[in-house]
Amino acid sequence: MENGVIVELQRNSSKWAMVVGEIVKMERKIFPKHESLASSFDDELKKKNSGLLYSELDGQVVGYVMYSWPSSLFASITKLAVKENYRRQSHGEALLKAAIEKCRSRKVNRISLHVDPLRAPAMSLYKKLGFQVDDLIQGYYSPDRNAYRMYLEFDSD
């Protein structure tokens, strides 16, 4: 990740509108309409126990990760996306590692996520960082599109 910096989005940030605007554009470009949070992004960010980290390079948002910790036992990675021309440059890995650390700091035992089995780069990234396939969820994204539920478990020490 060449000179990119990971930033936690804060509601009172002067960059809020710019960052959310960039992420909404990414959502619309990367995800099918029924999977995109573009229209409800602000609501998602207002949810209790959720966070967003973004990767900034030369003043622009090149990727982001959303996560939540609905209970003290587990957390979820709800979105991870990197602009197409910045992929394979470790932005996704840096974002995912940072989100894992944020979740770990909350002392959760497990982080879960869902991924389309056909998204090979995403699958290999998650496996590289220790996520394991838990289950295949039929029709998770749409009637003809499944998802793997994956998890990363921490030792309770």
N, C-alpha and C. Protein backbone atom coordinates (compact mmCIF):
# COMPACT_ATOMS: atom_id res chain seq x y z
N MET A 1 0.86 -1.17 0.00
CA MET A 1 0.00 0.00 0.00
C MET A 1 0.90 1.22 0.00
N GLU A 2 1.18 1.73 -1.14
CA GLU A 2 2.15 2.80 -1.29
C GLU A 2 1.64 4.13 -0.77
N ASN A 3 2.19 4.56 0.37
CA ASN A 3 1.89 5.86 0.96
C ASN A 3 0.43 6.10 1.31
N GLY A 4 -0.40 5.07 1.30
CA GLY A 4 -1.78 5.23 1.73
C GLY A 4 -1.84 5.26 3.25
N VAL A 5 -2.86 5.90 3.76
CA VAL A 5 -3.03 5.98 5.20
C VAL A 5 -4.45 5.51 5.55
N ILE A 6 -4.57 4.75 6.64
CA ILE A 6 -5.87 4.27 7.09
C ILE A 6 -6.41 5.29 8.10
N VAL A 7 -7.63 5.73 7.87
CA VAL A 7 -8.26 6.75 8.71
C VAL A 7 -9.60 6.22 9.20
N GLU A 8 -9.91 6.49 10.47
CA GLU A 8 -11.23 6.14 11.00
C GLU A 8 -12.15 7.33 10.75
N LEU A 9 -13.28 7.07 10.13
CA LEU A 9 -14.23 8.14 9.84
C LEU A 9 -14.93 8.56 11.13
N GLN A 10 -14.84 9.83 11.44
CA GLN A 10 -15.48 10.40 12.63
C GLN A 10 -16.62 11.30 12.17
N ARG A 11 -17.75 11.18 12.86
CA ARG A 11 -18.94 11.96 12.48
C ARG A 11 -18.66 13.47 12.46
N ASN A 12 -17.84 13.96 13.35
CA ASN A 12 -17.59 15.40 13.40
C ASN A 12 -16.43 15.84 12.50
N SER A 13 -15.94 14.94 11.67
CA SER A 13 -14.81 15.25 10.80
C SER A 13 -15.21 16.27 9.73
N SER A 14 -14.30 17.18 9.43
CA SER A 14 -14.54 18.16 8.37
C SER A 14 -14.56 17.46 7.00
N LYS A 15 -14.02 16.25 6.94
CA LYS A 15 -13.99 15.49 5.68
C LYS A 15 -15.21 14.58 5.51
N TRP A 16 -16.13 14.58 6.48
CA TRP A 16 -17.27 13.65 6.48
C TRP A 16 -17.97 13.62 5.12
N ALA A 17 -18.44 14.75 4.63
CA ALA A 17 -19.23 14.79 3.39
C ALA A 17 -18.42 14.29 2.20
N MET A 18 -17.15 14.69 2.12
CA MET A 18 -16.31 14.26 1.00
C MET A 18 -16.10 12.75 1.04
N VAL A 19 -15.77 12.22 2.22
CA VAL A 19 -15.49 10.79 2.35
C VAL A 19 -16.74 9.98 2.05
N VAL A 20 -17.86 10.35 2.66
CA VAL A 20 -19.11 9.62 2.42
C VAL A 20 -19.50 9.70 0.94
N GLY A 21 -19.32 10.86 0.33
CA GLY A 21 -19.61 11.01 -1.10
C GLY A 21 -18.78 10.08 -1.96
N GLU A 22 -17.48 9.98 -1.65
CA GLU A 22 -16.59 9.08 -2.40
C GLU A 22 -17.00 7.61 -2.20
N ILE A 23 -17.35 7.27 -0.97
CA ILE A 23 -17.73 5.88 -0.68
C ILE A 23 -19.05 5.54 -1.37
N VAL A 24 -19.99 6.46 -1.38
CA VAL A 24 -21.27 6.21 -2.06
C VAL A 24 -21.02 5.97 -3.56
N LYS A 25 -20.13 6.76 -4.16
CA LYS A 25 -19.78 6.54 -5.58
C LYS A 25 -19.20 5.14 -5.78
N MET A 26 -18.32 4.74 -4.86
CA MET A 26 -17.72 3.40 -4.95
C MET A 26 -18.79 2.33 -4.82
N GLU A 27 -19.68 2.50 -3.86
CA GLU A 27 -20.78 1.54 -3.64
C GLU A 27 -21.57 1.33 -4.93
N ARG A 28 -21.91 2.44 -5.57
CA ARG A 28 -22.74 2.37 -6.79
C ARG A 28 -21.98 1.68 -7.93
N LYS A 29 -20.68 1.90 -7.99
CA LYS A 29 -19.90 1.34 -9.09
C LYS A 29 -19.57 -0.15 -8.87
N ILE A 30 -19.29 -0.53 -7.62
CA ILE A 30 -18.78 -1.87 -7.34
C ILE A 30 -19.89 -2.90 -7.09
N PHE A 31 -20.93 -2.50 -6.36
CA PHE A 31 -21.93 -3.48 -5.92
C PHE A 31 -23.22 -3.39 -6.72
N PRO A 32 -23.86 -4.55 -6.96
CA PRO A 32 -25.19 -4.51 -7.59
C PRO A 32 -26.13 -3.67 -6.73
N LYS A 33 -27.14 -3.08 -7.37
CA LYS A 33 -28.02 -2.14 -6.67
C LYS A 33 -28.59 -2.70 -5.37
N HIS A 34 -29.02 -3.97 -5.38
CA HIS A 34 -29.64 -4.54 -4.17
C HIS A 34 -28.63 -4.82 -3.06
N GLU A 35 -27.33 -4.76 -3.36
CA GLU A 35 -26.29 -4.96 -2.34
C GLU A 35 -25.65 -3.66 -1.92
N SER A 36 -25.92 -2.60 -2.65
CA SER A 36 -25.28 -1.33 -2.38
C SER A 36 -25.93 -0.62 -1.20
N LEU A 37 -25.10 0.00 -0.39
CA LEU A 37 -25.60 0.80 0.73
C LEU A 37 -25.66 2.28 0.34
N ALA A 38 -25.50 2.58 -0.95
CA ALA A 38 -25.41 3.97 -1.39
C ALA A 38 -26.57 4.82 -0.88
N SER A 39 -27.78 4.30 -0.93
CA SER A 39 -28.94 5.11 -0.54
C SER A 39 -29.13 5.16 0.98
N SER A 40 -28.51 4.24 1.71
CA SER A 40 -28.73 4.20 3.17
C SER A 40 -27.43 4.33 3.95
N PHE A 41 -26.42 4.87 3.29
CA PHE A 41 -25.09 4.88 3.89
C PHE A 41 -25.04 5.66 5.20
N ASP A 42 -25.65 6.83 5.20
CA ASP A 42 -25.64 7.65 6.41
C ASP A 42 -26.31 6.91 7.57
N ASP A 43 -27.41 6.23 7.28
CA ASP A 43 -28.11 5.45 8.32
C ASP A 43 -27.23 4.33 8.84
N GLU A 44 -26.51 3.66 7.95
CA GLU A 44 -25.62 2.58 8.36
C GLU A 44 -24.56 3.09 9.34
N LEU A 45 -24.03 4.27 9.05
CA LEU A 45 -22.97 4.82 9.88
C LEU A 45 -23.47 5.33 11.23
N LYS A 46 -24.78 5.56 11.32
CA LYS A 46 -25.34 6.04 12.59
C LYS A 46 -25.63 4.89 13.55
N LYS A 47 -25.60 3.66 13.03
CA LYS A 47 -25.90 2.51 13.87
C LYS A 47 -24.92 2.42 15.03
N LYS A 48 -25.44 2.03 16.16
CA LYS A 48 -24.62 1.86 17.35
C LYS A 48 -23.65 0.69 17.12
N ASN A 49 -22.49 0.77 17.67
CA ASN A 49 -21.50 -0.30 17.59
C ASN A 49 -21.08 -0.62 16.16
N SER A 50 -20.87 0.41 15.36
CA SER A 50 -20.35 0.18 14.02
C SER A 50 -19.27 1.21 13.73
N GLY A 51 -18.41 0.88 12.78
CA GLY A 51 -17.32 1.78 12.44
C GLY A 51 -16.95 1.67 10.98
N LEU A 52 -16.20 2.64 10.51
CA LEU A 52 -15.75 2.66 9.13
C LEU A 52 -14.32 3.19 9.10
N LEU A 53 -13.49 2.46 8.41
CA LEU A 53 -12.11 2.88 8.16
C LEU A 53 -11.97 3.06 6.66
N TYR A 54 -11.20 4.06 6.26
CA TYR A 54 -10.97 4.22 4.83
C TYR A 54 -9.49 4.43 4.57
N SER A 55 -9.11 4.07 3.36
CA SER A 55 -7.73 4.23 2.92
C SER A 55 -7.68 5.48 2.04
N GLU A 56 -6.79 6.38 2.42
CA GLU A 56 -6.67 7.64 1.69
C GLU A 56 -5.30 7.71 1.04
N LEU A 57 -5.28 8.09 -0.21
CA LEU A 57 -4.03 8.21 -0.95
C LEU A 57 -4.12 9.48 -1.78
N ASP A 58 -3.17 10.35 -1.64
CA ASP A 58 -3.15 11.62 -2.38
C ASP A 58 -4.48 12.36 -2.28
N GLY A 59 -5.05 12.37 -1.07
CA GLY A 59 -6.27 13.12 -0.83
C GLY A 59 -7.56 12.49 -1.30
N GLN A 60 -7.48 11.28 -1.83
CA GLN A 60 -8.73 10.63 -2.25
C GLN A 60 -8.93 9.30 -1.55
N VAL A 61 -10.19 8.93 -1.42
CA VAL A 61 -10.56 7.67 -0.79
C VAL A 61 -10.38 6.57 -1.83
N VAL A 62 -9.54 5.57 -1.52
CA VAL A 62 -9.32 4.49 -2.48
C VAL A 62 -9.94 3.17 -2.03
N GLY A 63 -10.38 3.09 -0.78
CA GLY A 63 -11.03 1.88 -0.30
C GLY A 63 -11.60 2.12 1.09
N TYR A 64 -12.45 1.20 1.54
CA TYR A 64 -13.04 1.33 2.86
C TYR A 64 -13.47 -0.03 3.38
N VAL A 65 -13.63 -0.09 4.68
CA VAL A 65 -14.15 -1.29 5.33
C VAL A 65 -15.12 -0.83 6.41
N MET A 66 -16.29 -1.49 6.44
CA MET A 66 -17.27 -1.24 7.49
C MET A 66 -17.30 -2.47 8.39
N TYR A 67 -17.47 -2.23 9.68
CA TYR A 67 -17.51 -3.34 10.62
C TYR A 67 -18.48 -2.98 11.74
N SER A 68 -18.93 -3.99 12.44
CA SER A 68 -19.83 -3.77 13.57
C SER A 68 -19.56 -4.83 14.63
N TRP A 69 -19.95 -4.53 15.84
CA TRP A 69 -19.80 -5.47 16.94
C TRP A 69 -21.14 -5.48 17.69
N PRO A 70 -22.11 -6.25 17.17
CA PRO A 70 -23.44 -6.27 17.77
C PRO A 70 -23.48 -6.79 19.21
N SER A 71 -22.49 -7.57 19.58
CA SER A 71 -22.44 -8.05 20.97
C SER A 71 -21.00 -8.05 21.43
N SER A 72 -20.80 -8.37 22.69
CA SER A 72 -19.43 -8.40 23.20
C SER A 72 -18.70 -9.67 22.75
N LEU A 73 -19.43 -10.60 22.14
CA LEU A 73 -18.82 -11.87 21.75
C LEU A 73 -18.33 -11.89 20.31
N PHE A 74 -19.01 -11.18 19.41
CA PHE A 74 -18.61 -11.28 18.01
C PHE A 74 -18.75 -9.95 17.29
N ALA A 75 -18.06 -9.87 16.17
CA ALA A 75 -18.10 -8.70 15.30
C ALA A 75 -18.30 -9.18 13.86
N SER A 76 -18.63 -8.26 12.99
CA SER A 76 -18.82 -8.58 11.57
C SER A 76 -18.10 -7.55 10.71
N ILE A 77 -17.53 -8.04 9.63
CA ILE A 77 -17.04 -7.15 8.58
C ILE A 77 -18.22 -7.09 7.61
N THR A 78 -18.81 -5.90 7.46
CA THR A 78 -20.02 -5.81 6.65
C THR A 78 -19.75 -5.37 5.21
N LYS A 79 -18.67 -4.64 4.98
CA LYS A 79 -18.30 -4.23 3.62
C LYS A 79 -16.80 -4.03 3.56
N LEU A 80 -16.24 -4.40 2.43
CA LEU A 80 -14.84 -4.11 2.13
C LEU A 80 -14.76 -3.87 0.64
N ALA A 81 -14.27 -2.71 0.26
CA ALA A 81 -14.19 -2.40 -1.16
C ALA A 81 -12.99 -1.51 -1.42
N VAL A 82 -12.38 -1.72 -2.60
CA VAL A 82 -11.25 -0.92 -3.05
C VAL A 82 -11.52 -0.54 -4.51
N LYS A 83 -11.27 0.72 -4.85
CA LYS A 83 -11.44 1.16 -6.23
C LYS A 83 -10.63 0.25 -7.15
N GLU A 84 -11.20 -0.02 -8.30
CA GLU A 84 -10.60 -0.99 -9.22
C GLU A 84 -9.13 -0.72 -9.55
N ASN A 85 -8.79 0.54 -9.84
CA ASN A 85 -7.40 0.82 -10.23
C ASN A 85 -6.43 0.86 -9.05
N TYR A 86 -6.92 0.57 -7.82
CA TYR A 86 -6.04 0.50 -6.65
C TYR A 86 -5.99 -0.91 -6.07
N ARG A 87 -6.61 -1.85 -6.75
CA ARG A 87 -6.61 -3.22 -6.25
C ARG A 87 -5.23 -3.85 -6.47
N ARG A 88 -4.97 -4.91 -5.71
CA ARG A 88 -3.71 -5.65 -5.77
C ARG A 88 -2.52 -4.77 -5.37
N GLN A 89 -2.77 -3.78 -4.51
CA GLN A 89 -1.72 -2.91 -3.99
C GLN A 89 -1.73 -2.92 -2.46
N SER A 90 -2.38 -3.92 -1.89
CA SER A 90 -2.46 -4.13 -0.44
C SER A 90 -3.39 -3.19 0.32
N HIS A 91 -4.19 -2.40 -0.37
CA HIS A 91 -5.13 -1.53 0.34
C HIS A 91 -6.18 -2.35 1.07
N GLY A 92 -6.74 -3.36 0.39
CA GLY A 92 -7.75 -4.21 1.02
C GLY A 92 -7.19 -4.94 2.23
N GLU A 93 -6.00 -5.46 2.10
CA GLU A 93 -5.36 -6.18 3.22
C GLU A 93 -5.12 -5.24 4.40
N ALA A 94 -4.62 -4.03 4.13
CA ALA A 94 -4.36 -3.07 5.20
C ALA A 94 -5.67 -2.68 5.90
N LEU A 95 -6.72 -2.47 5.11
CA LEU A 95 -8.01 -2.11 5.69
C LEU A 95 -8.56 -3.25 6.55
N LEU A 96 -8.49 -4.47 6.02
CA LEU A 96 -9.01 -5.62 6.75
C LEU A 96 -8.24 -5.83 8.06
N LYS A 97 -6.92 -5.73 7.99
CA LYS A 97 -6.10 -5.87 9.21
C LYS A 97 -6.47 -4.81 10.25
N ALA A 98 -6.67 -3.58 9.79
CA ALA A 98 -7.03 -2.50 10.71
C ALA A 98 -8.41 -2.75 11.34
N ALA A 99 -9.35 -3.23 10.55
CA ALA A 99 -10.69 -3.54 11.08
C ALA A 99 -10.63 -4.70 12.07
N ILE A 100 -9.80 -5.70 11.77
CA ILE A 100 -9.63 -6.83 12.69
C ILE A 100 -9.09 -6.31 14.03
N GLU A 101 -8.11 -5.42 13.97
CA GLU A 101 -7.54 -4.87 15.20
C GLU A 101 -8.58 -4.06 15.98
N LYS A 102 -9.39 -3.28 15.28
CA LYS A 102 -10.46 -2.52 15.95
C LYS A 102 -11.42 -3.48 16.65
N CYS A 103 -11.79 -4.54 15.98
CA CYS A 103 -12.70 -5.53 16.57
C CYS A 103 -12.03 -6.24 17.74
N ARG A 104 -10.78 -6.61 17.57
CA ARG A 104 -10.04 -7.29 18.65
C ARG A 104 -9.94 -6.41 19.89
N SER A 105 -9.80 -5.11 19.69
CA SER A 105 -9.68 -4.20 20.83
C SER A 105 -10.97 -4.19 21.66
N ARG A 106 -12.04 -4.68 21.09
CA ARG A 106 -13.32 -4.78 21.80
C ARG A 106 -13.46 -6.14 22.48
N LYS A 107 -12.40 -6.93 22.41
CA LYS A 107 -12.33 -8.23 23.10
C LYS A 107 -13.36 -9.24 22.59
N VAL A 108 -13.73 -9.14 21.30
CA VAL A 108 -14.65 -10.13 20.74
C VAL A 108 -13.92 -11.45 20.54
N ASN A 109 -14.66 -12.53 20.50
CA ASN A 109 -14.08 -13.86 20.30
C ASN A 109 -14.02 -14.25 18.83
N ARG A 110 -14.90 -13.64 18.02
CA ARG A 110 -15.03 -14.08 16.63
C ARG A 110 -15.45 -12.91 15.75
N ILE A 111 -14.89 -12.90 14.54
CA ILE A 111 -15.31 -11.95 13.50
C ILE A 111 -15.85 -12.78 12.35
N SER A 112 -17.00 -12.40 11.84
CA SER A 112 -17.55 -13.13 10.69
C SER A 112 -17.75 -12.17 9.52
N LEU A 113 -17.89 -12.74 8.35
CA LEU A 113 -18.18 -11.97 7.14
C LEU A 113 -18.82 -12.92 6.13
N HIS A 114 -19.39 -12.35 5.09
CA HIS A 114 -19.95 -13.12 3.99
C HIS A 114 -19.24 -12.72 2.71
N VAL A 115 -19.01 -13.69 1.85
CA VAL A 115 -18.32 -13.41 0.59
C VAL A 115 -18.86 -14.33 -0.50
N ASP A 116 -18.96 -13.79 -1.69
CA ASP A 116 -19.35 -14.57 -2.86
C ASP A 116 -18.20 -15.53 -3.17
N PRO A 117 -18.46 -16.84 -3.22
CA PRO A 117 -17.39 -17.81 -3.50
C PRO A 117 -16.68 -17.56 -4.82
N LEU A 118 -17.33 -16.84 -5.75
CA LEU A 118 -16.72 -16.58 -7.05
C LEU A 118 -15.75 -15.39 -7.02
N ARG A 119 -15.71 -14.67 -5.93
CA ARG A 119 -14.78 -13.53 -5.80
C ARG A 119 -13.45 -14.06 -5.26
N ALA A 120 -12.68 -14.65 -6.17
CA ALA A 120 -11.43 -15.32 -5.78
C ALA A 120 -10.44 -14.40 -5.06
N PRO A 121 -10.21 -13.16 -5.51
CA PRO A 121 -9.26 -12.32 -4.78
C PRO A 121 -9.70 -12.06 -3.34
N ALA A 122 -10.99 -11.85 -3.14
CA ALA A 122 -11.50 -11.63 -1.78
C ALA A 122 -11.33 -12.89 -0.95
N MET A 123 -11.68 -14.03 -1.53
CA MET A 123 -11.55 -15.31 -0.81
C MET A 123 -10.10 -15.52 -0.37
N SER A 124 -9.15 -15.28 -1.28
CA SER A 124 -7.75 -15.54 -0.92
C SER A 124 -7.25 -14.55 0.14
N LEU A 125 -7.72 -13.31 0.09
CA LEU A 125 -7.35 -12.34 1.12
C LEU A 125 -7.86 -12.79 2.49
N TYR A 126 -9.12 -13.17 2.55
CA TYR A 126 -9.69 -13.58 3.84
C TYR A 126 -8.97 -14.81 4.39
N LYS A 127 -8.69 -15.77 3.52
CA LYS A 127 -7.97 -16.97 3.97
C LYS A 127 -6.56 -16.62 4.43
N LYS A 128 -5.90 -15.71 3.70
CA LYS A 128 -4.55 -15.29 4.06
C LYS A 128 -4.51 -14.72 5.48
N LEU A 129 -5.58 -14.02 5.87
CA LEU A 129 -5.61 -13.41 7.20
C LEU A 129 -6.25 -14.32 8.25
N GLY A 130 -6.48 -15.58 7.89
CA GLY A 130 -6.91 -16.55 8.88
C GLY A 130 -8.39 -16.87 8.93
N PHE A 131 -9.19 -16.26 8.07
CA PHE A 131 -10.62 -16.58 8.05
C PHE A 131 -10.82 -17.99 7.49
N GLN A 132 -11.79 -18.68 8.04
CA GLN A 132 -12.13 -20.03 7.59
C GLN A 132 -13.58 -20.07 7.15
N VAL A 133 -13.86 -20.92 6.17
CA VAL A 133 -15.24 -21.07 5.70
C VAL A 133 -16.03 -21.83 6.75
N ASP A 134 -17.16 -21.27 7.12
CA ASP A 134 -18.05 -21.86 8.11
C ASP A 134 -19.19 -22.60 7.43
N ASP A 135 -19.79 -21.96 6.42
CA ASP A 135 -20.98 -22.53 5.81
C ASP A 135 -21.21 -21.87 4.45
N LEU A 136 -21.91 -22.57 3.57
CA LEU A 136 -22.36 -22.00 2.30
C LEU A 136 -23.81 -21.61 2.50
N ILE A 137 -24.12 -20.34 2.31
CA ILE A 137 -25.49 -19.84 2.47
C ILE A 137 -26.10 -19.71 1.08
N GLN A 138 -27.03 -20.59 0.76
CA GLN A 138 -27.69 -20.59 -0.55
C GLN A 138 -28.54 -19.32 -0.70
N GLY A 139 -28.42 -18.67 -1.86
CA GLY A 139 -29.25 -17.52 -2.17
C GLY A 139 -29.03 -16.31 -1.28
N TYR A 140 -27.85 -16.18 -0.71
CA TYR A 140 -27.59 -15.09 0.23
C TYR A 140 -27.71 -13.71 -0.44
N TYR A 141 -27.06 -13.55 -1.58
CA TYR A 141 -27.08 -12.27 -2.27
C TYR A 141 -28.30 -12.11 -3.17
N SER A 142 -28.68 -13.19 -3.82
CA SER A 142 -29.85 -13.21 -4.69
C SER A 142 -30.18 -14.69 -4.89
N PRO A 143 -31.34 -15.00 -5.48
CA PRO A 143 -31.72 -16.42 -5.60
C PRO A 143 -30.66 -17.30 -6.26
N ASP A 144 -29.87 -16.72 -7.18
CA ASP A 144 -28.86 -17.54 -7.87
C ASP A 144 -27.43 -17.20 -7.46
N ARG A 145 -27.28 -16.50 -6.35
CA ARG A 145 -25.94 -16.10 -5.90
C ARG A 145 -25.75 -16.40 -4.42
N ASN A 146 -24.85 -17.32 -4.15
CA ASN A 146 -24.60 -17.80 -2.79
C ASN A 146 -23.50 -17.00 -2.11
N ALA A 147 -23.28 -17.32 -0.85
CA ALA A 147 -22.17 -16.71 -0.11
C ALA A 147 -21.59 -17.73 0.85
N TYR A 148 -20.31 -17.61 1.05
CA TYR A 148 -19.69 -18.34 2.15
C TYR A 148 -19.78 -17.45 3.37
N ARG A 149 -20.14 -18.03 4.49
CA ARG A 149 -19.98 -17.34 5.76
C ARG A 149 -18.61 -17.77 6.26
N MET A 150 -17.77 -16.79 6.56
CA MET A 150 -16.42 -17.08 7.01
C MET A 150 -16.24 -16.48 8.40
N TYR A 151 -15.28 -17.00 9.13
CA TYR A 151 -15.04 -16.48 10.48
C TYR A 151 -13.56 -16.53 10.81
N LEU A 152 -13.21 -15.67 11.74
CA LEU A 152 -11.87 -15.63 12.32
C LEU A 152 -12.08 -15.68 13.81
N GLU A 153 -11.51 -16.70 14.44
CA GLU A 153 -11.72 -16.88 15.87
C GLU A 153 -10.45 -16.51 16.61
N PHE A 154 -10.63 -15.89 17.77
CA PHE A 154 -9.49 -15.51 18.61
C PHE A 154 -9.46 -16.40 19.82
N ASP A 155 -8.26 -16.66 20.31
CA ASP A 155 -8.13 -17.40 21.56
C ASP A 155 -8.64 -16.51 22.67
N SER A 156 -9.42 -17.07 23.56
CA SER A 156 -9.87 -16.27 24.71
C SER A 156 -8.81 -16.37 25.79
N ASP A 157 -8.08 -15.29 25.95
CA ASP A 157 -6.99 -15.29 26.94
C ASP A 157 -7.27 -14.35 28.07
